[in-house]
Amino acid sequence: MRFTPLIVTGAAALLLSACAAKEEVAMAPPPPPGAVPGSVAADRDGDGIIDGYYTADGIYHPNQPAYTPPPPPPPTRIGEKG
C-alpha cells in the first residue's frame, strides 16, 4: 500500500485550511434600559411593546415606568395683574 498519496492529500488539506478566512463574531448588543442581563423580552398583552423580561429561571420582571416629577404648583394670584 502506498502512503504517499495519502500524505500528499493530508498535507494539501492542512495547507488549504490554514488559508481559510476566519469569520469574526460580532459581540452581542447591550441589553436595552430596564432589561435584566441574560433574559428574554416579554410582551404579555400582545400590543407589540415590551412589557418586561423573563430570566432563565422563569421569573417575570416587569419594566418599571420612568419616574415623572410632580407638576409645578399653580401660579399665585398676587402681583401687579393678580
Protein backbone atom coordinates (compact mmCIF):
# COMPACT_ATOMS: atom_id res chain seq x y z
CA MET A 1 0.00 0.00 0.00
CA ARG A 2 1.34 3.39 -0.90
CA PHE A 3 1.13 6.09 1.71
CA THR A 4 2.45 8.90 -0.48
CA PRO A 5 -0.96 9.88 -2.00
CA LEU A 6 -2.50 9.89 1.49
CA ILE A 7 0.28 12.05 2.89
CA VAL A 8 0.08 14.49 -0.04
CA THR A 9 -3.71 14.75 0.34
CA GLY A 10 -3.42 15.34 4.07
CA ALA A 11 -0.72 17.96 3.62
CA ALA A 12 -2.79 19.76 0.97
CA ALA A 13 -5.82 19.79 3.27
CA LEU A 14 -3.73 21.26 6.10
CA LEU A 15 -2.28 23.95 3.85
CA LEU A 16 -5.68 24.94 2.48
CA SER A 17 -7.25 25.07 5.94
CA ALA A 18 -4.53 27.49 7.06
CA CYS A 19 -5.58 29.89 4.28
CA ALA A 20 -9.25 29.83 5.23
CA ALA A 21 -10.59 33.20 6.33
CA LYS A 22 -11.72 33.26 9.93
CA GLU A 23 -15.04 34.94 10.48
CA GLU A 24 -15.17 37.49 13.25
CA VAL A 25 -18.13 37.04 15.52
CA ALA A 26 -19.85 40.27 16.49
CA MET A 27 -20.41 40.90 20.16
CA ALA A 28 -23.97 40.84 21.42
CA PRO A 29 -25.51 44.30 21.80
CA PRO A 30 -26.03 45.52 25.35
CA PRO A 31 -29.49 44.97 26.82
CA PRO A 32 -31.89 47.92 26.49
CA PRO A 33 -32.63 50.13 29.51
CA GLY A 34 -34.68 48.29 32.10
CA ALA A 35 -33.64 44.85 30.84
CA VAL A 36 -32.26 42.11 33.03
CA PRO A 37 -28.96 40.76 31.57
CA GLY A 38 -29.35 37.20 30.22
CA SER A 39 -33.12 37.45 29.86
CA VAL A 40 -35.79 37.22 27.15
CA ALA A 41 -38.14 40.10 26.33
CA ALA A 42 -41.84 39.56 27.07
CA ASP A 43 -44.93 41.14 25.55
CA ARG A 44 -47.70 39.91 27.82
CA ASP A 45 -50.60 41.90 26.39
CA GLY A 46 -49.65 41.48 22.71
CA ASP A 47 -49.55 45.17 21.81
CA GLY A 48 -46.03 44.98 20.34
CA ILE A 49 -44.39 46.88 23.20
CA ILE A 50 -42.04 45.02 25.56
CA ASP A 51 -43.67 44.87 28.98
CA GLY A 52 -40.88 43.12 30.86
CA TYR A 53 -38.40 40.26 30.76
CA TYR A 54 -38.24 36.56 31.67
CA THR A 55 -35.00 35.34 33.23
CA ALA A 56 -33.58 31.84 32.66
CA ASP A 57 -35.30 30.56 35.81
CA GLY A 58 -38.74 31.65 34.51
CA ILE A 59 -39.26 34.72 36.71
CA TYR A 60 -41.02 37.67 35.09
CA HIS A 61 -39.52 41.12 35.72
CA PRO A 62 -41.83 43.97 34.65
CA ASN A 63 -40.39 47.19 33.26
CA GLN A 64 -40.62 49.98 35.76
CA PRO A 65 -42.19 53.15 34.40
CA ALA A 66 -39.90 56.15 34.24
CA TYR A 67 -40.22 58.49 37.20
CA THR A 68 -42.04 61.69 36.35
CA PRO A 69 -41.76 64.54 38.84
CA PRO A 70 -44.98 66.08 40.16
CA PRO A 71 -46.29 69.10 38.25
CA PRO A 72 -45.22 72.54 39.46
CA PRO A 73 -47.60 74.44 41.74
CA PRO A 74 -50.06 76.79 40.06
CA PRO A 75 -49.00 80.43 39.83
CA THR A 76 -50.06 82.71 42.66
CA ARG A 77 -52.63 85.43 42.08
CA ILE A 78 -50.56 88.02 43.93
CA GLY A 79 -48.89 90.71 41.91
CA GLU A 80 -49.47 93.60 39.58
CA LYS A 81 -52.01 91.86 37.34
CA GLY A 82 -53.42 89.50 40.02
